[in-house]
Full PDB file with SEQRES, HELIX, SHEET, SSBOND, CRYST1, ORIGX, SCALE, CONECT and MASTER records, all heavy atoms in Angstrom:
SEQRES   1 A   40  TYR ARG GLN ALA PRO GLY GLN GLN ARG GLU LEU VAL ALA          
SEQRES   2 A   40  SER ILE SER SER ALA GLY ASN THR ASN TYR GLU ASN SER          
SEQRES   3 A   40  VAL LYS GLY ARG PHE THR ILE SER ARG ASP ASN ALA LYS          
SEQRES   4 A   40  ASN                                                          
HELIX    1 AA1 ASN A   25  VAL A   27  5                                   3    
HELIX    2 AA2 ASN A   37  LYS A   39  5                                   3    
SHEET    1 AA1 2 ALA A  13  ILE A  15  0                                        
SHEET    2 AA1 2 THR A  21  TYR A  23 -1                                        
CRYST1    1.000    1.000    1.000  90.00  90.00  90.00 P 1           1          
ORIGX1      1.000000  0.000000  0.000000        0.00000                         
ORIGX2      0.000000  1.000000  0.000000        0.00000                         
ORIGX3      0.000000  0.000000  1.000000        0.00000                         
SCALE1      1.000000  0.000000  0.000000        0.00000                         
SCALE2      0.000000  1.000000  0.000000        0.00000                         
SCALE3      0.000000  0.000000  1.000000        0.00000                         
ATOM      1  N   TYR A   1     157.094 245.447  14.850  1.00  0.00           N  
ATOM      2  CA  TYR A   1     155.671 245.602  14.608  1.00  0.00           C  
ATOM      3  C   TYR A   1     155.053 244.225  14.480  1.00  0.00           C  
ATOM      4  O   TYR A   1     155.753 243.242  14.215  1.00  0.00           O  
ATOM      5  CB  TYR A   1     155.409 246.382  13.325  1.00  0.00           C  
ATOM      6  CG  TYR A   1     155.727 247.857  13.380  1.00  0.00           C  
ATOM      7  CD1 TYR A   1     157.037 248.311  13.389  1.00  0.00           C  
ATOM      8  CD2 TYR A   1     154.704 248.801  13.396  1.00  0.00           C  
ATOM      9  CE1 TYR A   1     157.324 249.668  13.425  1.00  0.00           C  
ATOM     10  CE2 TYR A   1     154.982 250.158  13.422  1.00  0.00           C  
ATOM     11  CZ  TYR A   1     156.291 250.587  13.434  1.00  0.00           C  
ATOM     12  OH  TYR A   1     156.564 251.932  13.460  1.00  0.00           O  
ATOM     13  N   ARG A   2     153.749 244.159  14.644  1.00  0.00           N  
ATOM     14  CA  ARG A   2     153.069 242.899  14.404  1.00  0.00           C  
ATOM     15  C   ARG A   2     151.734 243.151  13.724  1.00  0.00           C  
ATOM     16  O   ARG A   2     151.131 244.210  13.864  1.00  0.00           O  
ATOM     17  CB  ARG A   2     152.865 242.102  15.695  1.00  0.00           C  
ATOM     18  CG  ARG A   2     151.901 242.734  16.687  1.00  0.00           C  
ATOM     19  CD  ARG A   2     151.895 241.939  17.992  1.00  0.00           C  
ATOM     20  NE  ARG A   2     150.988 242.511  18.969  1.00  0.00           N  
ATOM     21  CZ  ARG A   2     150.908 242.126  20.231  1.00  0.00           C  
ATOM     22  NH1 ARG A   2     151.695 241.146  20.684  1.00  0.00           N  
ATOM     23  NH2 ARG A   2     150.040 242.708  21.048  1.00  0.00           N  
ATOM     24  N   GLN A   3     151.285 242.156  12.985  1.00  0.00           N  
ATOM     25  CA  GLN A   3     150.017 242.227  12.293  1.00  0.00           C  
ATOM     26  C   GLN A   3     149.340 240.871  12.337  1.00  0.00           C  
ATOM     27  O   GLN A   3     149.879 239.880  11.847  1.00  0.00           O  
ATOM     28  CB  GLN A   3     150.205 242.675  10.848  1.00  0.00           C  
ATOM     29  CG  GLN A   3     148.897 242.938  10.119  1.00  0.00           C  
ATOM     30  CD  GLN A   3     149.113 243.639   8.798  1.00  0.00           C  
ATOM     31  OE1 GLN A   3     150.157 243.495   8.162  1.00  0.00           O  
ATOM     32  NE2 GLN A   3     148.129 244.416   8.375  1.00  0.00           N  
ATOM     33  N   ALA A   4     148.168 240.843  12.942  1.00  0.00           N  
ATOM     34  CA  ALA A   4     147.348 239.648  12.977  1.00  0.00           C  
ATOM     35  C   ALA A   4     146.369 239.688  11.807  1.00  0.00           C  
ATOM     36  O   ALA A   4     146.063 240.761  11.282  1.00  0.00           O  
ATOM     37  CB  ALA A   4     146.597 239.564  14.300  1.00  0.00           C  
ATOM     38  N   PRO A   5     145.859 238.530  11.386  1.00  0.00           N  
ATOM     39  CA  PRO A   5     144.893 238.514  10.282  1.00  0.00           C  
ATOM     40  C   PRO A   5     143.707 239.430  10.549  1.00  0.00           C  
ATOM     41  O   PRO A   5     143.115 239.394  11.630  1.00  0.00           O  
ATOM     42  CB  PRO A   5     144.457 237.052  10.221  1.00  0.00           C  
ATOM     43  CG  PRO A   5     145.625 236.297  10.769  1.00  0.00           C  
ATOM     44  CD  PRO A   5     146.169 237.172  11.860  1.00  0.00           C  
ATOM     45  N   GLY A   6     143.377 240.262   9.570  1.00  0.00           N  
ATOM     46  CA  GLY A   6     142.262 241.175   9.699  1.00  0.00           C  
ATOM     47  C   GLY A   6     142.516 242.379  10.580  1.00  0.00           C  
ATOM     48  O   GLY A   6     141.590 243.167  10.820  1.00  0.00           O  
ATOM     49  N   GLN A   7     143.737 242.535  11.063  1.00  0.00           N  
ATOM     50  CA  GLN A   7     144.078 243.625  11.962  1.00  0.00           C  
ATOM     51  C   GLN A   7     145.076 244.570  11.311  1.00  0.00           C  
ATOM     52  O   GLN A   7     145.753 244.214  10.352  1.00  0.00           O  
ATOM     53  CB  GLN A   7     144.674 243.087  13.266  1.00  0.00           C  
ATOM     54  CG  GLN A   7     143.790 242.120  14.019  1.00  0.00           C  
ATOM     55  CD  GLN A   7     142.584 242.796  14.626  1.00  0.00           C  
ATOM     56  OE1 GLN A   7     142.670 243.919  15.117  1.00  0.00           O  
ATOM     57  NE2 GLN A   7     141.452 242.111  14.593  1.00  0.00           N  
ATOM     58  N   GLN A   8     145.152 245.778  11.847  1.00  0.00           N  
ATOM     59  CA  GLN A   8     146.156 246.724  11.401  1.00  0.00           C  
ATOM     60  C   GLN A   8     147.512 246.366  11.997  1.00  0.00           C  
ATOM     61  O   GLN A   8     147.597 245.760  13.062  1.00  0.00           O  
ATOM     62  CB  GLN A   8     145.789 248.148  11.831  1.00  0.00           C  
ATOM     63  CG  GLN A   8     144.593 248.738  11.118  1.00  0.00           C  
ATOM     64  CD  GLN A   8     144.380 250.180  11.504  1.00  0.00           C  
ATOM     65  OE1 GLN A   8     143.440 250.510  12.210  1.00  0.00           O  
ATOM     66  NE2 GLN A   8     145.265 251.051  11.036  1.00  0.00           N  
ATOM     67  N   ARG A   9     148.551 246.753  11.282  1.00  0.00           N  
ATOM     68  CA  ARG A   9     149.882 246.578  11.821  1.00  0.00           C  
ATOM     69  C   ARG A   9     150.089 247.547  12.990  1.00  0.00           C  
ATOM     70  O   ARG A   9     149.753 248.728  12.894  1.00  0.00           O  
ATOM     71  CB  ARG A   9     150.927 246.824  10.737  1.00  0.00           C  
ATOM     72  CG  ARG A   9     152.343 246.482  11.158  1.00  0.00           C  
ATOM     73  CD  ARG A   9     153.318 246.575   9.990  1.00  0.00           C  
ATOM     74  NE  ARG A   9     152.987 245.620   8.938  1.00  0.00           N  
ATOM     75  CZ  ARG A   9     153.757 245.382   7.886  1.00  0.00           C  
ATOM     76  NH1 ARG A   9     154.915 246.017   7.740  1.00  0.00           N  
ATOM     77  NH2 ARG A   9     153.368 244.508   6.977  1.00  0.00           N  
ATOM     78  N   GLU A  10     150.626 247.045  14.088  1.00  0.00           N  
ATOM     79  CA  GLU A  10     150.837 247.876  15.260  1.00  0.00           C  
ATOM     80  C   GLU A  10     152.276 247.798  15.734  1.00  0.00           C  
ATOM     81  O   GLU A  10     152.936 246.764  15.607  1.00  0.00           O  
ATOM     82  CB  GLU A  10     149.893 247.472  16.403  1.00  0.00           C  
ATOM     83  CG  GLU A  10     150.140 246.086  16.967  1.00  0.00           C  
ATOM     84  CD  GLU A  10     149.271 245.771  18.172  1.00  0.00           C  
ATOM     85  OE1 GLU A  10     148.592 246.677  18.692  1.00  0.00           O  
ATOM     86  OE2 GLU A  10     149.270 244.594  18.600  1.00  0.00           O  
ATOM     87  N   LEU A  11     152.728 248.896  16.306  1.00  0.00           N  
ATOM     88  CA  LEU A  11     154.061 248.941  16.883  1.00  0.00           C  
ATOM     89  C   LEU A  11     154.042 248.222  18.219  1.00  0.00           C  
ATOM     90  O   LEU A  11     153.248 248.546  19.101  1.00  0.00           O  
ATOM     91  CB  LEU A  11     154.507 250.389  17.066  1.00  0.00           C  
ATOM     92  CG  LEU A  11     155.870 250.615  17.723  1.00  0.00           C  
ATOM     93  CD1 LEU A  11     156.991 250.031  16.868  1.00  0.00           C  
ATOM     94  CD2 LEU A  11     156.101 252.101  17.961  1.00  0.00           C  
ATOM     95  N   VAL A  12     154.926 247.258  18.364  1.00  0.00           N  
ATOM     96  CA  VAL A  12     155.035 246.489  19.592  1.00  0.00           C  
ATOM     97  C   VAL A  12     156.092 247.079  20.516  1.00  0.00           C  
ATOM     98  O   VAL A  12     155.869 247.261  21.714  1.00  0.00           O  
ATOM     99  CB  VAL A  12     155.368 245.017  19.288  1.00  0.00           C  
ATOM    100  CG1 VAL A  12     155.572 244.224  20.576  1.00  0.00           C  
ATOM    101  CG2 VAL A  12     154.261 244.395  18.441  1.00  0.00           C  
ATOM    102  N   ALA A  13     157.257 247.347  19.960  1.00  0.00           N  
ATOM    103  CA  ALA A  13     158.366 247.870  20.741  1.00  0.00           C  
ATOM    104  C   ALA A  13     159.334 248.582  19.822  1.00  0.00           C  
ATOM    105  O   ALA A  13     159.488 248.204  18.661  1.00  0.00           O  
ATOM    106  CB  ALA A  13     159.092 246.742  21.493  1.00  0.00           C  
ATOM    107  N   SER A  14     159.989 249.600  20.339  1.00  0.00           N  
ATOM    108  CA  SER A  14     160.983 250.317  19.566  1.00  0.00           C  
ATOM    109  C   SER A  14     162.177 250.631  20.436  1.00  0.00           C  
ATOM    110  O   SER A  14     162.083 250.677  21.666  1.00  0.00           O  
ATOM    111  CB  SER A  14     160.406 251.605  18.969  1.00  0.00           C  
ATOM    112  OG  SER A  14     159.987 252.494  19.980  1.00  0.00           O  
ATOM    113  N   ILE A  15     163.293 250.861  19.783  1.00  0.00           N  
ATOM    114  CA  ILE A  15     164.511 251.237  20.487  1.00  0.00           C  
ATOM    115  C   ILE A  15     165.251 252.260  19.642  1.00  0.00           C  
ATOM    116  O   ILE A  15     165.465 252.076  18.446  1.00  0.00           O  
ATOM    117  CB  ILE A  15     165.383 249.995  20.809  1.00  0.00           C  
ATOM    118  CG1 ILE A  15     166.606 250.390  21.636  1.00  0.00           C  
ATOM    119  CG2 ILE A  15     165.768 249.231  19.546  1.00  0.00           C  
ATOM    120  CD1 ILE A  15     167.293 249.186  22.284  1.00  0.00           C  
ATOM    121  N   SER A  16     165.622 253.363  20.264  1.00  0.00           N  
ATOM    122  CA  SER A  16     166.298 254.431  19.555  1.00  0.00           C  
ATOM    123  C   SER A  16     167.770 254.105  19.369  1.00  0.00           C  
ATOM    124  O   SER A  16     168.302 253.139  19.920  1.00  0.00           O  
ATOM    125  CB  SER A  16     166.147 255.749  20.314  1.00  0.00           C  
ATOM    126  OG  SER A  16     166.958 255.751  21.474  1.00  0.00           O  
ATOM    127  N   SER A  17     168.442 254.949  18.589  1.00  0.00           N  
ATOM    128  CA  SER A  17     169.878 254.782  18.411  1.00  0.00           C  
ATOM    129  C   SER A  17     170.638 254.934  19.724  1.00  0.00           C  
ATOM    130  O   SER A  17     171.733 254.386  19.866  1.00  0.00           O  
ATOM    131  CB  SER A  17     170.401 255.780  17.379  1.00  0.00           C  
ATOM    132  OG  SER A  17     170.167 257.113  17.789  1.00  0.00           O  
ATOM    133  N   ALA A  18     170.061 255.665  20.671  1.00  0.00           N  
ATOM    134  CA  ALA A  18     170.662 255.848  21.986  1.00  0.00           C  
ATOM    135  C   ALA A  18     170.300 254.741  22.968  1.00  0.00           C  
ATOM    136  O   ALA A  18     170.802 254.731  24.090  1.00  0.00           O  
ATOM    137  CB  ALA A  18     170.267 257.200  22.568  1.00  0.00           C  
ATOM    138  N   GLY A  19     169.407 253.836  22.562  1.00  0.00           N  
ATOM    139  CA  GLY A  19     169.027 252.738  23.425  1.00  0.00           C  
ATOM    140  C   GLY A  19     167.771 252.959  24.233  1.00  0.00           C  
ATOM    141  O   GLY A  19     167.421 252.114  25.074  1.00  0.00           O  
ATOM    142  N   ASN A  20     167.062 254.057  24.015  1.00  0.00           N  
ATOM    143  CA  ASN A  20     165.799 254.294  24.699  1.00  0.00           C  
ATOM    144  C   ASN A  20     164.723 253.388  24.120  1.00  0.00           C  
ATOM    145  O   ASN A  20     164.626 253.229  22.903  1.00  0.00           O  
ATOM    146  CB  ASN A  20     165.373 255.749  24.561  1.00  0.00           C  
ATOM    147  CG  ASN A  20     166.416 256.720  25.060  1.00  0.00           C  
ATOM    148  OD1 ASN A  20     166.880 257.593  24.328  1.00  0.00           O  
ATOM    149  ND2 ASN A  20     166.798 256.572  26.327  1.00  0.00           N  
ATOM    150  N   THR A  21     163.903 252.820  24.977  1.00  0.00           N  
ATOM    151  CA  THR A  21     162.904 251.857  24.539  1.00  0.00           C  
ATOM    152  C   THR A  21     161.490 252.343  24.789  1.00  0.00           C  
ATOM    153  O   THR A  21     161.240 253.158  25.673  1.00  0.00           O  
ATOM    154  CB  THR A  21     163.098 250.504  25.239  1.00  0.00           C  
ATOM    155  OG1 THR A  21     163.007 250.683  26.661  1.00  0.00           O  
ATOM    156  CG2 THR A  21     164.458 249.915  24.900  1.00  0.00           C  
ATOM    157  N   ASN A  22     160.570 251.805  23.998  1.00  0.00           N  
ATOM    158  CA  ASN A  22     159.159 252.103  24.135  1.00  0.00           C  
ATOM    159  C   ASN A  22     158.380 250.837  23.821  1.00  0.00           C  
ATOM    160  O   ASN A  22     158.755 250.084  22.925  1.00  0.00           O  
ATOM    161  CB  ASN A  22     158.745 253.222  23.178  1.00  0.00           C  
ATOM    162  CG  ASN A  22     157.319 253.662  23.380  1.00  0.00           C  
ATOM    163  OD1 ASN A  22     156.974 254.253  24.392  1.00  0.00           O  
ATOM    164  ND2 ASN A  22     156.460 253.376  22.404  1.00  0.00           N  
ATOM    165  N   TYR A  23     157.289 250.610  24.572  1.00  0.00           N  
ATOM    166  CA  TYR A  23     156.503 249.400  24.410  1.00  0.00           C  
ATOM    167  C   TYR A  23     155.025 249.703  24.306  1.00  0.00           C  
ATOM    168  O   TYR A  23     154.515 250.624  24.951  1.00  0.00           O  
ATOM    169  CB  TYR A  23     156.704 248.455  25.597  1.00  0.00           C  
ATOM    170  CG  TYR A  23     158.114 247.967  25.750  1.00  0.00           C  
ATOM    171  CD1 TYR A  23     159.014 248.636  26.567  1.00  0.00           C  
ATOM    172  CD2 TYR A  23     158.551 246.832  25.067  1.00  0.00           C  
ATOM    173  CE1 TYR A  23     160.316 248.197  26.703  1.00  0.00           C  
ATOM    174  CE2 TYR A  23     159.849 246.386  25.199  1.00  0.00           C  
ATOM    175  CZ  TYR A  23     160.727 247.067  26.017  1.00  0.00           C  
ATOM    176  OH  TYR A  23     162.020 246.618  26.150  1.00  0.00           O  
ATOM    177  N   GLU A  24     154.335 248.915  23.506  1.00  0.00           N  
ATOM    178  CA  GLU A  24     152.887 248.949  23.488  1.00  0.00           C  
ATOM    179  C   GLU A  24     152.398 248.459  24.856  1.00  0.00           C  
ATOM    180  O   GLU A  24     152.988 247.549  25.446  1.00  0.00           O  
ATOM    181  CB  GLU A  24     152.367 248.067  22.361  1.00  0.00           C  
ATOM    182  CG  GLU A  24     150.930 248.331  21.947  1.00  0.00           C  
ATOM    183  CD  GLU A  24     149.938 247.607  22.819  1.00  0.00           C  
ATOM    184  OE1 GLU A  24     150.226 246.478  23.255  1.00  0.00           O  
ATOM    185  OE2 GLU A  24     148.860 248.184  23.066  1.00  0.00           O  
ATOM    186  N   ASN A  25     151.335 249.051  25.347  1.00  0.00           N  
ATOM    187  CA  ASN A  25     150.904 248.780  26.713  1.00  0.00           C  
ATOM    188  C   ASN A  25     150.647 247.295  26.993  1.00  0.00           C  
ATOM    189  O   ASN A  25     150.966 246.808  28.085  1.00  0.00           O  
ATOM    190  CB  ASN A  25     149.657 249.583  27.058  1.00  0.00           C  
ATOM    191  CG  ASN A  25     149.945 251.042  27.296  1.00  0.00           C  
ATOM    192  OD1 ASN A  25     151.061 251.417  27.645  1.00  0.00           O  
ATOM    193  ND2 ASN A  25     148.942 251.880  27.117  1.00  0.00           N  
ATOM    194  N   SER A  26     150.101 246.587  26.034  1.00  0.00           N  
ATOM    195  CA  SER A  26     149.726 245.205  26.267  1.00  0.00           C  
ATOM    196  C   SER A  26     150.925 244.271  26.423  1.00  0.00           C  
ATOM    197  O   SER A  26     150.764 243.147  26.900  1.00  0.00           O  
ATOM    198  CB  SER A  26     148.821 244.693  25.145  1.00  0.00           C  
ATOM    199  OG  SER A  26     149.522 244.580  23.925  1.00  0.00           O  
ATOM    200  N   VAL A  27     152.107 244.717  26.032  1.00  0.00           N  
ATOM    201  CA  VAL A  27     153.288 243.863  26.141  1.00  0.00           C  
ATOM    202  C   VAL A  27     154.265 244.340  27.207  1.00  0.00           C  
ATOM    203  O   VAL A  27     155.270 243.659  27.461  1.00  0.00           O  
ATOM    204  CB  VAL A  27     154.026 243.716  24.793  1.00  0.00           C  
ATOM    205  CG1 VAL A  27     153.060 243.296  23.693  1.00  0.00           C  
ATOM    206  CG2 VAL A  27     154.771 244.987  24.412  1.00  0.00           C  
ATOM    207  N   LYS A  28     153.979 245.454  27.839  1.00  0.00           N  
ATOM    208  CA  LYS A  28     154.866 245.962  28.887  1.00  0.00           C  
ATOM    209  C   LYS A  28     155.005 244.939  30.004  1.00  0.00           C  
ATOM    210  O   LYS A  28     154.027 244.376  30.476  1.00  0.00           O  
ATOM    211  CB  LYS A  28     154.341 247.276  29.459  1.00  0.00           C  
ATOM    212  CG  LYS A  28     154.576 248.474  28.568  1.00  0.00           C  
ATOM    213  CD  LYS A  28     154.093 249.754  29.241  1.00  0.00           C  
ATOM    214  CE  LYS A  28     154.381 250.967  28.366  1.00  0.00           C  
ATOM    215  NZ  LYS A  28     153.872 252.213  28.977  1.00  0.00           N  
ATOM    216  N   GLY A  29     156.235 244.716  30.411  1.00  0.00           N  
ATOM    217  CA  GLY A  29     156.511 243.743  31.453  1.00  0.00           C  
ATOM    218  C   GLY A  29     156.675 242.335  30.948  1.00  0.00           C  
ATOM    219  O   GLY A  29     157.113 241.456  31.704  1.00  0.00           O  
ATOM    220  N   ARG A  30     156.325 242.085  29.696  1.00  0.00           N  
ATOM    221  CA  ARG A  30     156.442 240.748  29.119  1.00  0.00           C  
ATOM    222  C   ARG A  30     157.477 240.679  28.004  1.00  0.00           C  
ATOM    223  O   ARG A  30     158.140 239.661  27.845  1.00  0.00           O  
ATOM    224  CB  ARG A  30     155.092 240.280  28.562  1.00  0.00           C  
ATOM    225  CG  ARG A  30     153.996 240.197  29.607  1.00  0.00           C  
ATOM    226  CD  ARG A  30     152.751 239.509  29.053  1.00  0.00           C  
ATOM    227  NE  ARG A  30     152.161 240.243  27.938  1.00  0.00           N  
ATOM    228  CZ  ARG A  30     151.993 239.752  26.713  1.00  0.00           C  
ATOM    229  NH1 ARG A  30     152.366 238.512  26.436  1.00  0.00           N  
ATOM    230  NH2 ARG A  30     151.434 240.493  25.767  1.00  0.00           N  
ATOM    231  N   PHE A  31     157.591 241.752  27.220  1.00  0.00           N  
ATOM    232  CA  PHE A  31     158.511 241.790  26.084  1.00  0.00           C  
ATOM    233  C   PHE A  31     159.664 242.738  26.379  1.00  0.00           C  
ATOM    234  O   PHE A  31     159.491 243.758  27.059  1.00  0.00           O  
ATOM    235  CB  PHE A  31     157.808 242.287  24.822  1.00  0.00           C  
ATOM    236  CG  PHE A  31     156.787 241.355  24.235  1.00  0.00           C  
ATOM    237  CD1 PHE A  31     156.346 240.222  24.898  1.00  0.00           C  
ATOM    238  CD2 PHE A  31     156.260 241.631  22.976  1.00  0.00           C  
ATOM    239  CE1 PHE A  31     155.397 239.375  24.347  1.00  0.00           C  
ATOM    240  CE2 PHE A  31     155.314 240.795  22.410  1.00  0.00           C  
ATOM    241  CZ  PHE A  31     154.883 239.668  23.092  1.00  0.00           C  
ATOM    242  N   THR A  32     160.820 242.422  25.839  1.00  0.00           N  
ATOM    243  CA  THR A  32     161.990 243.274  25.974  1.00  0.00           C  
ATOM    244  C   THR A  32     162.688 243.403  24.632  1.00  0.00           C  
ATOM    245  O   THR A  32     163.053 242.398  24.021  1.00  0.00           O  
ATOM    246  CB  THR A  32     162.988 242.714  27.002  1.00  0.00           C  
ATOM    247  OG1 THR A  32     162.337 242.527  28.260  1.00  0.00           O  
ATOM    248  CG2 THR A  32     164.165 243.675  27.187  1.00  0.00           C  
ATOM    249  N   ILE A  33     162.864 244.640  24.182  1.00  0.00           N  
ATOM    250  CA  ILE A  33     163.601 244.893  22.952  1.00  0.00           C  
ATOM    251  C   ILE A  33     165.027 245.289  23.315  1.00  0.00           C  
ATOM    252  O   ILE A  33     165.262 245.984  24.306  1.00  0.00           O  
ATOM    253  CB  ILE A  33     162.916 245.976  22.091  1.00  0.00           C  
ATOM    254  CG1 ILE A  33     163.581 246.087  20.716  1.00  0.00           C  
ATOM    255  CG2 ILE A  33     162.897 247.326  22.800  1.00  0.00           C  
ATOM    256  CD1 ILE A  33     162.828 246.984  19.733  1.00  0.00           C  
ATOM    257  N   SER A  34     165.974 244.838  22.523  1.00  0.00           N  
ATOM    258  CA  SER A  34     167.368 245.186  22.744  1.00  0.00           C  
ATOM    259  C   SER A  34     168.081 245.263  21.402  1.00  0.00           C  
ATOM    260  O   SER A  34     167.565 244.795  20.383  1.00  0.00           O  
ATOM    261  CB  SER A  34     168.057 244.175  23.667  1.00  0.00           C  
ATOM    262  OG  SER A  34     168.038 242.878  23.106  1.00  0.00           O  
ATOM    263  N   ARG A  35     169.255 245.870  21.414  1.00  0.00           N  
ATOM    264  CA  ARG A  35     170.036 245.948  20.185  1.00  0.00           C  
ATOM    265  C   ARG A  35     171.489 245.648  20.476  1.00  0.00           C  
ATOM    266  O   ARG A  35     172.007 245.970  21.550  1.00  0.00           O  
ATOM    267  CB  ARG A  35     169.878 247.316  19.500  1.00  0.00           C  
ATOM    268  CG  ARG A  35     170.450 248.507  20.251  1.00  0.00           C  
ATOM    269  CD  ARG A  35     170.009 249.832  19.598  1.00  0.00           C  
ATOM    270  NE  ARG A  35     170.488 249.940  18.229  1.00  0.00           N  
ATOM    271  CZ  ARG A  35     169.919 250.699  17.288  1.00  0.00           C  
ATOM    272  NH1 ARG A  35     168.831 251.416  17.584  1.00  0.00           N  
ATOM    273  NH2 ARG A  35     170.429 250.741  16.070  1.00  0.00           N  
ATOM    274  N   ASP A  36     172.138 245.032  19.517  1.00  0.00           N  
ATOM    275  CA  ASP A  36     173.553 244.737  19.575  1.00  0.00           C  
ATOM    276  C   ASP A  36     174.168 245.356  18.333  1.00  0.00           C  
ATOM    277  O   ASP A  36     174.112 244.787  17.243  1.00  0.00           O  
ATOM    278  CB  ASP A  36     173.795 243.234  19.624  1.00  0.00           C  
ATOM    279  CG  ASP A  36     175.251 242.868  19.814  1.00  0.00           C  
ATOM    280  OD1 ASP A  36     176.131 243.715  19.558  1.00  0.00           O  
ATOM    281  OD2 ASP A  36     175.522 241.727  20.220  1.00  0.00           O  
ATOM    282  N   ASN A  37     174.733 246.542  18.501  1.00  0.00           N  
ATOM    283  CA  ASN A  37     175.260 247.266  17.347  1.00  0.00           C  
ATOM    284  C   ASN A  37     176.451 246.557  16.708  1.00  0.00           C  
ATOM    285  O   ASN A  37     176.682 246.692  15.510  1.00  0.00           O  
ATOM    286  CB  ASN A  37     175.650 248.684  17.751  1.00  0.00           C  
ATOM    287  CG  ASN A  37     174.447 249.568  18.011  1.00  0.00           C  
ATOM    288  OD1 ASN A  37     173.319 249.241  17.635  1.00  0.00           O  
ATOM    289  ND2 ASN A  37     174.675 250.701  18.666  1.00  0.00           N  
ATOM    290  N   ALA A  38     177.205 245.811  17.499  1.00  0.00           N  
ATOM    291  CA  ALA A  38     178.338 245.072  16.951  1.00  0.00           C  
ATOM    292  C   ALA A  38     177.895 243.983  15.990  1.00  0.00           C  
ATOM    293  O   ALA A  38     178.646 243.593  15.095  1.00  0.00           O  
ATOM    294  CB  ALA A  38     179.180 244.477  18.079  1.00  0.00           C  
ATOM    295  N   LYS A  39     176.682 243.473  16.179  1.00  0.00           N  
ATOM    296  CA  LYS A  39     176.143 242.426  15.327  1.00  0.00           C  
ATOM    297  C   LYS A  39     175.097 242.931  14.343  1.00  0.00           C  
ATOM    298  O   LYS A  39     174.535 242.135  13.585  1.00  0.00           O  
ATOM    299  CB  LYS A  39     175.533 241.315  16.178  1.00  0.00           C  
ATOM    300  CG  LYS A  39     176.531 240.554  17.018  1.00  0.00           C  
ATOM    301  CD  LYS A  39     175.852 239.425  17.773  1.00  0.00           C  
ATOM    302  CE  LYS A  39     176.857 238.615  18.560  1.00  0.00           C  
ATOM    303  NZ  LYS A  39     176.208 237.510  19.297  1.00  0.00           N  
ATOM    304  N   ASN A  40     174.820 244.230  14.354  1.00  0.00           N  
ATOM    305  CA  ASN A  40     173.771 244.813  13.510  1.00  0.00           C  
ATOM    306  C   ASN A  40     172.455 244.061  13.681  1.00  0.00           C  
ATOM    307  O   ASN A  40     171.764 243.738  12.706  1.00  0.00           O  
ATOM    308  CB  ASN A  40     174.187 244.816  12.040  1.00  0.00           C  
ATOM    309  CG  ASN A  40     175.248 245.851  11.726  1.00  0.00           C  
ATOM    310  OD1 ASN A  40     175.705 246.588  12.592  1.00  0.00           O  
ATOM    311  ND2 ASN A  40     175.654 245.907  10.471  1.00  0.00           N  
TER     312      ASN A  40                                                      
MASTER        0    0    0    2    2    0    0    6  311    1    0    4          
END                                                                             
């Protein structure tokens, strides 16, 4: 999530336990979320 001064906190990207990802429209194609379960 991210929060700019004077703004609401917004979800930027998420990843499920199965590895499915979701992105806020403004960051699609620019941001990539990933997880490494071995490293928590």
